[in-house]
N, C-alpha and C. Protein backbone atom coordinates (compact mmCIF):
# COMPACT_ATOMS: atom_id res chain seq x y z
N UNK A 1 0.80 -1.16 -0.11
CA UNK A 1 -0.14 -0.09 -0.02
C UNK A 1 0.84 1.43 -0.08
N UNK A 2 0.63 2.24 -0.75
CA UNK A 2 1.40 3.54 -0.80
C UNK A 2 1.24 4.28 0.62
N UNK A 3 2.38 4.93 0.70
CA UNK A 3 2.55 5.59 2.16
C UNK A 3 1.32 6.85 2.30
N UNK A 4 1.21 7.36 1.04
CA UNK A 4 0.19 8.45 0.98
C UNK A 4 -1.23 7.96 1.48
N UNK A 5 -1.62 6.61 1.01
CA UNK A 5 -2.71 5.92 1.41
C UNK A 5 -2.86 5.74 2.94
N UNK A 6 -1.72 5.16 3.48
CA UNK A 6 -1.50 4.95 4.88
C UNK A 6 -1.82 6.29 5.59
N UNK A 7 -1.23 7.34 5.23
CA UNK A 7 -1.36 8.61 6.00
C UNK A 7 -2.82 9.14 5.96
N UNK A 8 -3.56 8.85 4.65
CA UNK A 8 -4.80 9.34 4.64
C UNK A 8 -5.74 8.47 5.64
N UNK A 9 -5.48 7.17 5.61
CA UNK A 9 -6.27 6.30 6.63
C UNK A 9 -6.16 6.88 8.00
N UNK A 10 -4.83 7.20 8.42
CA UNK A 10 -4.77 7.57 9.80
C UNK A 10 -5.38 8.93 9.95
N UNK A 11 -5.41 9.89 8.97
CA UNK A 11 -6.16 11.22 9.07
C UNK A 11 -7.51 11.25 9.09
N UNK A 12 -8.01 10.33 8.46
CA UNK A 12 -9.54 10.22 8.19
C UNK A 12 -10.04 8.79 8.45
N UNK A 13 -9.93 8.10 9.69
CA UNK A 13 -10.29 6.66 9.78
C UNK A 13 -11.65 6.30 9.63
N UNK A 14 -12.69 7.15 9.42
CA UNK A 14 -14.08 6.79 9.51
C UNK A 14 -14.70 7.26 8.37
N UNK A 15 -14.12 7.14 7.06
CA UNK A 15 -14.63 7.35 5.80
C UNK A 15 -15.59 5.95 5.43
N UNK A 16 -16.70 6.35 4.93
CA UNK A 16 -17.60 5.05 4.69
C UNK A 16 -17.05 4.51 3.47
N UNK A 17 -17.18 2.97 3.20
CA UNK A 17 -16.84 2.24 2.21
C UNK A 17 -17.68 2.54 1.02
N UNK A 18 -17.15 2.16 -0.10
CA UNK A 18 -17.86 2.46 -1.39
C UNK A 18 -18.21 1.08 -2.07
N UNK A 19 -19.24 0.86 -2.55
CA UNK A 19 -19.74 -0.40 -3.30
C UNK A 19 -20.11 0.04 -4.64
N UNK A 20 -19.91 -0.89 -5.52
CA UNK A 20 -20.44 -0.73 -6.88
C UNK A 20 -19.88 0.03 -7.87
N UNK A 21 -18.93 0.72 -7.41
CA UNK A 21 -18.28 1.87 -8.36
C UNK A 21 -17.08 1.39 -9.13
N UNK A 22 -16.48 0.17 -9.00
CA UNK A 22 -15.37 -0.23 -9.69
C UNK A 22 -15.52 -1.68 -9.89
N UNK A 23 -15.14 -2.13 -11.17
CA UNK A 23 -15.36 -3.49 -11.57
C UNK A 23 -14.00 -3.98 -12.32
N UNK A 24 -13.75 -5.29 -12.22
CA UNK A 24 -12.60 -5.89 -13.02
C UNK A 24 -13.12 -7.00 -13.65
N UNK A 25 -12.84 -6.90 -15.08
CA UNK A 25 -13.45 -7.86 -15.87
C UNK A 25 -12.51 -9.06 -16.03
N UNK A 26 -12.90 -10.11 -16.77
CA UNK A 26 -12.09 -11.36 -17.04
C UNK A 26 -10.91 -11.18 -17.84
N UNK A 27 -10.66 -10.12 -18.31
CA UNK A 27 -9.42 -9.78 -19.15
C UNK A 27 -8.43 -8.92 -18.41
N UNK A 28 -8.82 -8.63 -17.09
CA UNK A 28 -7.96 -7.75 -16.21
C UNK A 28 -8.04 -6.20 -16.45
N UNK A 29 -9.29 -5.79 -17.02
CA UNK A 29 -9.47 -4.33 -17.34
C UNK A 29 -10.27 -3.93 -16.19
N UNK A 30 -9.90 -2.70 -15.71
CA UNK A 30 -10.78 -2.03 -14.82
C UNK A 30 -11.94 -1.21 -15.34
N UNK A 31 -13.03 -1.06 -14.63
CA UNK A 31 -14.17 -0.21 -15.01
C UNK A 31 -14.75 0.57 -14.04
N UNK A 32 -15.08 1.94 -14.48
CA UNK A 32 -15.60 2.87 -13.32
C UNK A 32 -17.11 2.85 -13.66
N UNK A 33 -17.85 2.81 -12.63
CA UNK A 33 -19.35 2.45 -12.84
C UNK A 33 -19.92 3.61 -11.98
N UNK A 34 -20.43 4.65 -12.74
CA UNK A 34 -21.23 5.70 -12.02
C UNK A 34 -22.59 5.31 -11.79
N UNK A 35 -23.33 6.27 -11.13
CA UNK A 35 -24.80 5.83 -10.77
C UNK A 35 -25.60 5.25 -11.79
N UNK A 36 -25.47 5.98 -13.01
CA UNK A 36 -26.37 5.65 -14.13
C UNK A 36 -26.03 4.25 -14.65
N UNK A 37 -24.78 3.82 -14.59
CA UNK A 37 -24.36 2.44 -14.99
C UNK A 37 -24.83 1.54 -14.05
N UNK A 38 -24.79 1.85 -12.73
CA UNK A 38 -25.13 0.97 -11.66
C UNK A 38 -26.60 0.71 -11.72
N UNK A 39 -27.46 1.81 -12.20
CA UNK A 39 -28.94 1.54 -12.18
C UNK A 39 -29.41 0.68 -13.39
N UNK A 40 -28.29 0.59 -14.40
CA UNK A 40 -28.79 -0.34 -15.56
C UNK A 40 -28.75 -1.76 -15.14
N UNK A 41 -27.95 -2.21 -14.14
CA UNK A 41 -27.78 -3.55 -13.68
C UNK A 41 -26.51 -3.73 -13.12
N UNK A 42 -26.30 -5.00 -12.59
CA UNK A 42 -24.92 -5.44 -12.09
C UNK A 42 -23.78 -5.52 -12.95
N UNK A 43 -22.62 -5.51 -12.32
CA UNK A 43 -21.47 -5.83 -13.21
C UNK A 43 -21.26 -7.36 -13.49
N UNK A 44 -20.99 -7.82 -14.67
CA UNK A 44 -20.42 -7.31 -15.91
C UNK A 44 -21.46 -6.97 -16.71
N UNK A 45 -22.75 -7.15 -16.50
CA UNK A 45 -23.92 -6.88 -17.50
C UNK A 45 -23.72 -5.46 -17.84
N UNK A 46 -23.60 -4.61 -16.96
CA UNK A 46 -23.55 -3.20 -16.90
C UNK A 46 -22.17 -2.71 -16.53
N UNK A 47 -21.26 -2.48 -17.55
CA UNK A 47 -19.57 -2.42 -17.10
C UNK A 47 -19.43 -0.90 -16.82
N UNK A 48 -19.76 -0.02 -17.38
CA UNK A 48 -19.38 1.39 -17.23
C UNK A 48 -18.29 1.84 -18.10
N UNK A 49 -17.43 2.58 -17.73
CA UNK A 49 -16.32 3.21 -18.66
C UNK A 49 -15.05 2.41 -18.20
N UNK A 50 -14.43 1.84 -19.19
CA UNK A 50 -12.96 1.32 -19.04
C UNK A 50 -12.10 2.32 -18.76
N UNK A 51 -11.25 2.24 -17.59
CA UNK A 51 -10.16 3.02 -17.27
C UNK A 51 -9.03 2.80 -18.17
N UNK A 52 -8.53 3.99 -18.70
CA UNK A 52 -7.50 4.07 -19.64
C UNK A 52 -6.23 4.73 -19.29
N UNK A 53 -6.27 5.51 -18.02
CA UNK A 53 -5.23 6.11 -17.59
C UNK A 53 -4.32 5.43 -16.83
N UNK A 54 -2.96 5.15 -17.48
CA UNK A 54 -1.92 4.16 -16.97
C UNK A 54 -1.59 4.44 -15.34
N UNK A 55 -1.46 5.68 -15.07
CA UNK A 55 -1.01 6.02 -13.70
C UNK A 55 -2.15 5.76 -12.68
N UNK A 56 -3.50 6.05 -13.24
CA UNK A 56 -4.71 5.57 -12.23
C UNK A 56 -4.63 4.12 -12.09
N UNK A 57 -4.51 3.47 -13.16
CA UNK A 57 -4.60 1.95 -12.98
C UNK A 57 -3.43 1.56 -12.15
N UNK A 58 -2.26 1.97 -12.36
CA UNK A 58 -1.18 1.56 -11.57
C UNK A 58 -1.37 1.76 -10.14
N UNK A 59 -1.93 2.92 -9.81
CA UNK A 59 -2.32 3.29 -8.28
C UNK A 59 -3.41 2.32 -7.80
N UNK A 60 -4.30 1.95 -8.60
CA UNK A 60 -5.32 1.08 -8.22
C UNK A 60 -4.67 -0.36 -7.92
N UNK A 61 -3.83 -0.71 -8.70
CA UNK A 61 -3.10 -2.20 -8.60
C UNK A 61 -2.29 -2.14 -7.59
N UNK A 62 -1.47 -1.14 -7.01
CA UNK A 62 -0.73 -1.04 -5.95
C UNK A 62 -1.44 -1.07 -4.72
N UNK A 63 -2.74 -0.52 -4.84
CA UNK A 63 -3.52 -0.56 -3.50
C UNK A 63 -4.75 -1.65 -3.58
N UNK A 64 -4.65 -2.64 -4.14
CA UNK A 64 -5.70 -3.60 -4.28
C UNK A 64 -5.32 -4.78 -3.57
N UNK A 65 -6.35 -5.19 -2.56
CA UNK A 65 -6.14 -6.27 -1.78
C UNK A 65 -7.41 -6.82 -1.30
N UNK A 66 -7.54 -7.73 -0.43
CA UNK A 66 -8.72 -8.45 0.20
C UNK A 66 -8.76 -8.17 1.56
N UNK A 67 -10.01 -8.13 2.09
CA UNK A 67 -10.24 -7.95 3.65
C UNK A 67 -10.64 -9.29 4.07
N UNK A 68 -10.77 -9.48 5.29
CA UNK A 68 -10.93 -10.80 5.97
C UNK A 68 -12.23 -11.45 5.64
N UNK A 69 -13.14 -10.77 4.87
CA UNK A 69 -14.43 -11.42 4.44
C UNK A 69 -14.17 -11.97 2.94
N UNK A 70 -12.91 -11.67 2.27
CA UNK A 70 -12.82 -12.13 0.97
C UNK A 70 -13.32 -11.14 -0.04
N UNK A 71 -13.59 -10.01 0.34
CA UNK A 71 -13.97 -8.88 -0.63
C UNK A 71 -12.76 -8.04 -0.92
N UNK A 72 -12.50 -8.07 -2.28
CA UNK A 72 -11.40 -7.32 -2.96
C UNK A 72 -11.69 -6.03 -3.05
N UNK A 73 -10.75 -4.95 -2.58
CA UNK A 73 -11.00 -3.57 -2.72
C UNK A 73 -9.70 -2.83 -3.16
N UNK A 74 -10.07 -1.54 -3.57
CA UNK A 74 -8.93 -0.77 -3.92
C UNK A 74 -9.09 0.36 -2.72
N UNK A 75 -7.85 0.50 -2.07
CA UNK A 75 -7.67 1.47 -1.00
C UNK A 75 -7.49 2.98 -1.60
N UNK A 76 -8.46 3.62 -1.75
CA UNK A 76 -8.35 5.14 -2.33
C UNK A 76 -8.30 6.04 -1.25
N UNK A 77 -7.08 6.22 -0.72
CA UNK A 77 -6.82 7.23 0.54
C UNK A 77 -7.51 6.48 1.68
N UNK A 78 -8.36 7.30 2.46
CA UNK A 78 -8.94 6.76 3.49
C UNK A 78 -10.22 5.83 3.09
N UNK A 79 -10.57 5.69 1.90
CA UNK A 79 -11.87 4.89 1.62
C UNK A 79 -11.52 3.53 0.85
N UNK A 80 -12.17 2.62 1.30
CA UNK A 80 -12.20 1.30 0.67
C UNK A 80 -13.30 1.34 -0.35
N UNK A 81 -12.91 1.18 -1.79
CA UNK A 81 -13.70 1.04 -2.81
C UNK A 81 -13.74 -0.51 -3.20
N UNK A 82 -14.65 -1.17 -2.93
CA UNK A 82 -14.95 -2.42 -3.15
C UNK A 82 -15.25 -3.06 -4.55
N UNK A 83 -14.51 -3.85 -5.02
CA UNK A 83 -14.48 -4.26 -6.49
C UNK A 83 -15.43 -5.32 -6.94
N UNK A 84 -16.25 -5.03 -7.90
CA UNK A 84 -17.17 -6.25 -8.52
C UNK A 84 -16.14 -6.86 -9.49
N UNK A 85 -16.36 -8.28 -9.26
CA UNK A 85 -15.47 -9.08 -9.96
C UNK A 85 -16.39 -9.83 -11.15
N UNK A 86 -15.98 -9.86 -12.35
CA UNK A 86 -16.64 -10.72 -13.27
C UNK A 86 -16.15 -12.24 -13.23
N UNK A 87 -15.05 -12.53 -12.78
CA UNK A 87 -14.66 -13.80 -12.61
C UNK A 87 -13.95 -14.23 -11.28
N UNK A 88 -12.68 -13.56 -11.22
CA UNK A 88 -11.77 -14.04 -10.20
C UNK A 88 -11.03 -12.60 -9.65
N UNK A 89 -10.51 -12.65 -8.51
CA UNK A 89 -9.66 -11.45 -8.03
C UNK A 89 -8.50 -10.95 -8.94
N UNK A 90 -7.95 -12.09 -9.54
CA UNK A 90 -6.70 -11.88 -10.24
C UNK A 90 -6.73 -12.39 -11.63
N UNK A 91 -6.25 -11.88 -12.60
CA UNK A 91 -6.22 -12.22 -14.06
C UNK A 91 -4.87 -12.60 -14.34
N UNK A 92 -4.35 -13.82 -14.68
CA UNK A 92 -3.03 -14.20 -15.00
C UNK A 92 -2.71 -14.10 -16.48
N UNK A 93 -1.39 -13.40 -16.85
CA UNK A 93 -0.82 -13.34 -18.06
C UNK A 93 0.38 -13.93 -17.85
N UNK A 94 1.05 -14.47 -18.86
CA UNK A 94 2.48 -15.14 -18.81
C UNK A 94 3.48 -14.11 -19.05
N UNK A 95 4.65 -13.91 -18.42
CA UNK A 95 5.46 -12.94 -18.63
C UNK A 95 6.63 -13.61 -19.67
N UNK A 96 7.46 -12.78 -20.02
CA UNK A 96 8.50 -13.42 -20.91
C UNK A 96 9.24 -14.46 -20.54
N UNK A 97 9.45 -14.44 -19.08
CA UNK A 97 10.15 -15.70 -18.45
C UNK A 97 9.27 -16.78 -18.26
N UNK A 98 8.00 -16.97 -18.73
CA UNK A 98 7.08 -17.99 -18.59
C UNK A 98 6.37 -17.94 -17.17
N UNK A 99 6.62 -17.15 -16.41
CA UNK A 99 6.07 -17.11 -14.99
C UNK A 99 4.72 -16.25 -15.13
N UNK A 100 3.52 -16.77 -14.51
CA UNK A 100 2.37 -16.09 -14.67
C UNK A 100 2.30 -14.88 -13.68
N UNK A 101 1.79 -13.63 -14.17
CA UNK A 101 1.83 -12.47 -13.51
C UNK A 101 0.37 -11.85 -13.60
N UNK A 102 -0.07 -11.45 -12.42
CA UNK A 102 -1.55 -11.06 -12.38
C UNK A 102 -1.69 -9.61 -12.84
N UNK A 103 -2.65 -9.03 -13.01
CA UNK A 103 -3.02 -7.71 -13.70
C UNK A 103 -2.47 -6.76 -12.55
N UNK A 104 -2.36 -6.98 -11.46
CA UNK A 104 -1.81 -6.00 -10.51
C UNK A 104 -0.36 -6.13 -10.16
N UNK A 105 0.35 -7.03 -11.03
CA UNK A 105 1.81 -7.24 -10.84
C UNK A 105 2.38 -8.32 -10.02
N UNK A 106 1.39 -9.06 -9.24
CA UNK A 106 1.71 -10.06 -8.31
C UNK A 106 2.18 -11.39 -9.20
N UNK A 107 3.27 -11.97 -8.97
CA UNK A 107 3.72 -13.00 -9.66
C UNK A 107 3.18 -14.45 -8.95
N UNK A 108 3.02 -15.37 -9.76
CA UNK A 108 2.69 -16.59 -9.25
C UNK A 108 3.63 -17.28 -8.29
N UNK A 109 3.35 -17.61 -7.02
CA UNK A 109 4.35 -17.96 -6.24
C UNK A 109 4.23 -19.52 -6.06
N UNK A 110 5.45 -20.08 -5.79
CA UNK A 110 5.47 -21.51 -5.66
C UNK A 110 4.88 -22.26 -7.01
N UNK A 111 4.60 -23.49 -6.78
CA UNK A 111 4.19 -24.33 -7.89
C UNK A 111 2.72 -23.89 -8.38
N UNK A 112 1.93 -23.42 -7.55
CA UNK A 112 0.58 -23.01 -7.86
C UNK A 112 -0.33 -24.30 -8.36
N UNK A 113 -1.49 -24.05 -8.44
CA UNK A 113 -2.55 -25.16 -8.63
C UNK A 113 -3.34 -24.76 -9.90
N UNK A 114 -3.37 -25.66 -10.74
CA UNK A 114 -4.14 -25.51 -12.16
C UNK A 114 -5.52 -26.08 -12.05
N UNK A 115 -6.67 -25.29 -12.50
CA UNK A 115 -7.88 -25.81 -12.33
C UNK A 115 -8.52 -25.50 -13.70
N UNK A 116 -9.49 -26.37 -14.12
CA UNK A 116 -10.20 -26.11 -15.20
C UNK A 116 -11.76 -26.35 -15.05
N UNK A 117 -12.56 -25.45 -15.37
CA UNK A 117 -13.99 -25.49 -14.94
C UNK A 117 -14.79 -26.12 -16.09
N UNK A 118 -16.13 -26.34 -15.92
CA UNK A 118 -17.00 -26.89 -16.83
C UNK A 118 -17.06 -26.24 -18.13
N UNK A 119 -16.60 -25.03 -18.42
CA UNK A 119 -16.73 -24.30 -19.55
C UNK A 119 -15.39 -24.28 -20.25
N UNK A 120 -14.25 -24.83 -19.70
CA UNK A 120 -12.93 -24.73 -20.20
C UNK A 120 -12.09 -23.88 -19.81
N UNK A 121 -12.41 -22.83 -18.91
CA UNK A 121 -11.84 -21.82 -18.44
C UNK A 121 -10.57 -22.47 -17.42
N UNK A 122 -9.67 -21.82 -17.45
CA UNK A 122 -8.30 -22.22 -16.83
C UNK A 122 -7.94 -21.15 -15.70
N UNK A 123 -7.80 -21.73 -14.38
CA UNK A 123 -7.38 -20.89 -13.31
C UNK A 123 -6.21 -21.43 -12.70
N UNK A 124 -5.40 -20.38 -12.06
CA UNK A 124 -4.20 -20.86 -11.35
C UNK A 124 -4.52 -20.16 -10.00
N UNK A 125 -4.24 -20.98 -8.86
CA UNK A 125 -4.30 -20.65 -7.61
C UNK A 125 -2.73 -20.70 -6.92
N UNK A 126 -2.55 -19.81 -6.07
CA UNK A 126 -1.39 -19.70 -5.14
C UNK A 126 -1.63 -18.98 -3.95
N UNK A 127 -0.77 -18.74 -3.10
CA UNK A 127 -1.03 -17.98 -1.80
C UNK A 127 -1.34 -16.54 -2.04
N UNK A 128 -1.20 -16.04 -3.17
CA UNK A 128 -1.74 -14.64 -3.63
C UNK A 128 -3.18 -14.65 -3.95
N UNK A 129 -3.63 -15.78 -4.18
CA UNK A 129 -5.16 -15.66 -4.58
C UNK A 129 -5.29 -16.55 -5.82
N UNK A 130 -6.70 -16.70 -6.19
CA UNK A 130 -7.01 -17.41 -7.37
C UNK A 130 -7.22 -16.34 -8.59
N UNK A 131 -6.76 -16.76 -9.84
CA UNK A 131 -6.82 -15.91 -11.02
C UNK A 131 -7.23 -16.84 -12.12
N UNK A 132 -8.06 -16.15 -12.94
CA UNK A 132 -8.44 -16.72 -14.31
C UNK A 132 -7.20 -16.52 -15.18
N UNK A 133 -6.81 -17.43 -16.08
CA UNK A 133 -5.73 -17.33 -17.08
C UNK A 133 -6.33 -16.64 -18.17
N UNK A 134 -5.67 -15.46 -18.70
CA UNK A 134 -6.28 -14.72 -19.81
C UNK A 134 -6.41 -15.67 -20.96
N UNK A 135 -7.24 -15.41 -21.68
CA UNK A 135 -7.76 -16.41 -22.81
C UNK A 135 -6.45 -16.55 -23.83
N UNK A 136 -5.87 -15.24 -24.07
CA UNK A 136 -4.54 -15.29 -24.94
C UNK A 136 -3.47 -16.11 -24.37
N UNK A 137 -3.47 -16.51 -23.25
CA UNK A 137 -2.37 -17.23 -22.62
C UNK A 137 -2.61 -18.61 -22.39
N UNK A 138 -3.73 -19.12 -22.70
CA UNK A 138 -4.12 -20.63 -22.58
C UNK A 138 -3.04 -21.46 -23.30
N UNK A 139 -2.50 -21.04 -24.51
CA UNK A 139 -1.51 -21.94 -25.05
C UNK A 139 -0.23 -22.23 -24.12
N UNK A 140 0.14 -21.09 -23.29
CA UNK A 140 1.26 -21.43 -22.50
C UNK A 140 1.03 -22.35 -21.48
N UNK A 141 -0.46 -22.47 -20.89
CA UNK A 141 -0.88 -23.33 -19.92
C UNK A 141 -0.71 -24.69 -20.52
N UNK A 142 -1.13 -24.81 -21.84
CA UNK A 142 -1.04 -26.05 -22.37
C UNK A 142 0.26 -26.60 -22.52
N UNK A 143 1.30 -25.78 -22.93
CA UNK A 143 2.75 -26.15 -22.78
C UNK A 143 3.16 -26.64 -21.57
N UNK A 144 2.69 -25.95 -20.39
CA UNK A 144 3.19 -26.24 -19.09
C UNK A 144 2.51 -27.67 -18.82
N UNK A 145 1.19 -27.83 -19.16
CA UNK A 145 0.68 -29.25 -18.94
C UNK A 145 1.48 -30.15 -19.64
N UNK A 146 1.87 -29.93 -20.83
CA UNK A 146 2.56 -31.07 -21.65
C UNK A 146 3.96 -31.41 -20.93
N UNK A 147 4.55 -30.26 -20.33
CA UNK A 147 5.85 -30.48 -19.62
C UNK A 147 5.70 -30.98 -18.35
N UNK A 148 4.51 -31.33 -17.92
CA UNK A 148 4.30 -31.90 -16.55
C UNK A 148 4.43 -30.70 -15.42
N UNK A 149 4.41 -29.61 -15.70
CA UNK A 149 4.60 -28.61 -14.54
C UNK A 149 3.23 -28.56 -13.77
N UNK A 150 2.07 -28.75 -14.39
CA UNK A 150 0.89 -28.84 -13.73
C UNK A 150 -0.01 -30.05 -13.91
N UNK A 151 -1.04 -30.47 -13.11
CA UNK A 151 -1.86 -31.39 -13.38
C UNK A 151 -3.24 -30.74 -13.27
N UNK A 152 -4.07 -30.56 -14.20
CA UNK A 152 -5.17 -29.88 -13.95
C UNK A 152 -6.31 -30.38 -13.04
N UNK A 153 -6.98 -29.80 -12.26
CA UNK A 153 -8.17 -30.36 -11.61
C UNK A 153 -9.52 -29.67 -12.12
N UNK A 154 -10.38 -30.45 -12.16
CA UNK A 154 -11.67 -30.35 -12.61
C UNK A 154 -12.43 -29.55 -11.46
N UNK A 155 -12.96 -28.37 -11.80
CA UNK A 155 -13.90 -27.67 -10.71
C UNK A 155 -15.16 -27.16 -11.43
N UNK A 156 -16.22 -26.68 -10.43
CA UNK A 156 -17.20 -26.03 -10.96
C UNK A 156 -17.16 -24.65 -10.67
N UNK A 157 -17.18 -23.59 -11.65
CA UNK A 157 -17.17 -22.28 -11.49
C UNK A 157 -17.86 -21.75 -10.51
N UNK A 158 -19.04 -22.23 -9.97
CA UNK A 158 -19.73 -21.71 -9.03
C UNK A 158 -19.29 -21.91 -7.71
N UNK A 159 -18.38 -23.07 -7.61
CA UNK A 159 -17.71 -23.40 -6.38
C UNK A 159 -16.47 -22.57 -6.09
N UNK A 160 -15.94 -21.81 -6.92
CA UNK A 160 -14.72 -21.13 -6.75
C UNK A 160 -14.77 -20.22 -5.58
N UNK A 161 -15.74 -19.15 -5.66
CA UNK A 161 -15.73 -18.18 -4.58
C UNK A 161 -15.63 -18.87 -3.05
N UNK A 162 -16.54 -19.77 -2.85
CA UNK A 162 -16.41 -20.42 -1.42
C UNK A 162 -15.18 -21.21 -1.29
N UNK A 163 -14.68 -21.73 -2.30
CA UNK A 163 -13.51 -22.68 -2.14
C UNK A 163 -12.12 -21.78 -1.85
N UNK A 164 -12.10 -20.63 -2.68
CA UNK A 164 -11.13 -19.75 -2.55
C UNK A 164 -11.32 -18.52 -1.72
N UNK A 165 -12.32 -18.44 -1.10
CA UNK A 165 -12.55 -17.34 -0.12
C UNK A 165 -12.68 -16.01 -0.75
N UNK A 166 -13.32 -15.77 -1.91
CA UNK A 166 -13.54 -14.37 -2.41
C UNK A 166 -14.94 -14.06 -2.70
N UNK A 167 -15.35 -12.85 -2.84
CA UNK A 167 -16.75 -12.34 -3.07
C UNK A 167 -16.76 -11.75 -4.54
N UNK A 168 -17.56 -12.29 -5.52
CA UNK A 168 -17.68 -11.56 -6.63
C UNK A 168 -18.40 -10.18 -6.54
N UNK A 169 -19.45 -10.15 -5.78
CA UNK A 169 -20.19 -8.88 -5.77
C UNK A 169 -20.25 -8.38 -4.46
N UNK A 170 -19.21 -7.56 -3.83
CA UNK A 170 -19.54 -6.94 -2.48
C UNK A 170 -20.56 -6.17 -2.32
N UNK A 171 -21.16 -5.43 -3.52
CA UNK A 171 -22.31 -4.73 -3.41
C UNK A 171 -23.50 -5.50 -3.16
N UNK A 172 -23.68 -6.49 -3.90
CA UNK A 172 -24.71 -7.42 -3.69
C UNK A 172 -24.84 -8.01 -2.23
N UNK A 173 -23.54 -8.26 -1.73
CA UNK A 173 -23.35 -8.73 -0.27
C UNK A 173 -23.96 -7.93 0.59
N UNK A 174 -23.45 -6.44 0.41
CA UNK A 174 -23.76 -5.20 1.35
C UNK A 174 -25.23 -5.17 1.31
N UNK A 175 -25.85 -5.37 0.18
CA UNK A 175 -27.21 -5.09 0.10
C UNK A 175 -28.20 -6.26 0.70
N UNK A 176 -27.35 -7.37 1.01
CA UNK A 176 -28.11 -8.45 1.38
C UNK A 176 -28.59 -9.61 0.40
N UNK A 177 -28.20 -9.31 -0.85
CA UNK A 177 -28.40 -10.35 -1.90
C UNK A 177 -27.30 -11.31 -1.81
N UNK A 178 -27.57 -12.62 -1.72
CA UNK A 178 -26.86 -13.64 -1.64
C UNK A 178 -26.12 -13.78 -3.11
N UNK A 179 -24.83 -13.93 -3.07
CA UNK A 179 -23.91 -14.08 -4.30
C UNK A 179 -23.12 -15.39 -4.43
N UNK A 180 -23.37 -16.36 -3.44
CA UNK A 180 -22.79 -17.53 -3.44
C UNK A 180 -21.37 -17.59 -3.10
N UNK A 181 -21.03 -16.56 -2.31
CA UNK A 181 -19.36 -16.35 -2.04
C UNK A 181 -19.11 -16.25 -0.65
N UNK A 182 -19.44 -17.23 0.10
CA UNK A 182 -18.98 -17.05 1.58
C UNK A 182 -17.40 -17.25 1.77
N UNK A 183 -16.73 -16.65 2.78
CA UNK A 183 -15.32 -16.77 2.80
C UNK A 183 -15.00 -18.13 3.23
N UNK A 184 -13.83 -18.51 2.76
CA UNK A 184 -13.40 -19.87 3.19
C UNK A 184 -13.14 -19.94 4.61
N UNK A 185 -13.36 -21.20 5.29
CA UNK A 185 -12.99 -21.27 6.68
C UNK A 185 -11.58 -21.54 7.03
């Protein structure tokens, strides 16, 4: 977390949390969701405006983490802006060195676990969290499978939030709408 963010939290410790205003899609793109967008429906059906400003995206990604309930958020100064997830909290891309790197710069730690859901989507899990493999990087996963680096495990996509302790829609949870995403025990 940036030092300026820590200072803002100390200066204004009781700023209310923000829900529904920020979304992360299955390709690792961030979306700003104003009131009008939110009124049109939940993320990702109603996405909003894709963020394009590199410095803003870098700031979000440096200050992106999960709370104890499995809700991922961006710490914007003293305010937590909870993120609506299309799929998973991380989206993996393969770096030039062949190591998966998430949209926020987190590198896959350890061996990792490879999962494939009923739709053929591929996920990697490690201590940093669960992430969907970007569709353009599935060939690198296939190469890793052929090399014996991973043995894929079959999963149901609906089981992922509970199994890996993340919440796809903190806004729905805050509104009391079940989203099938209890934190893991």
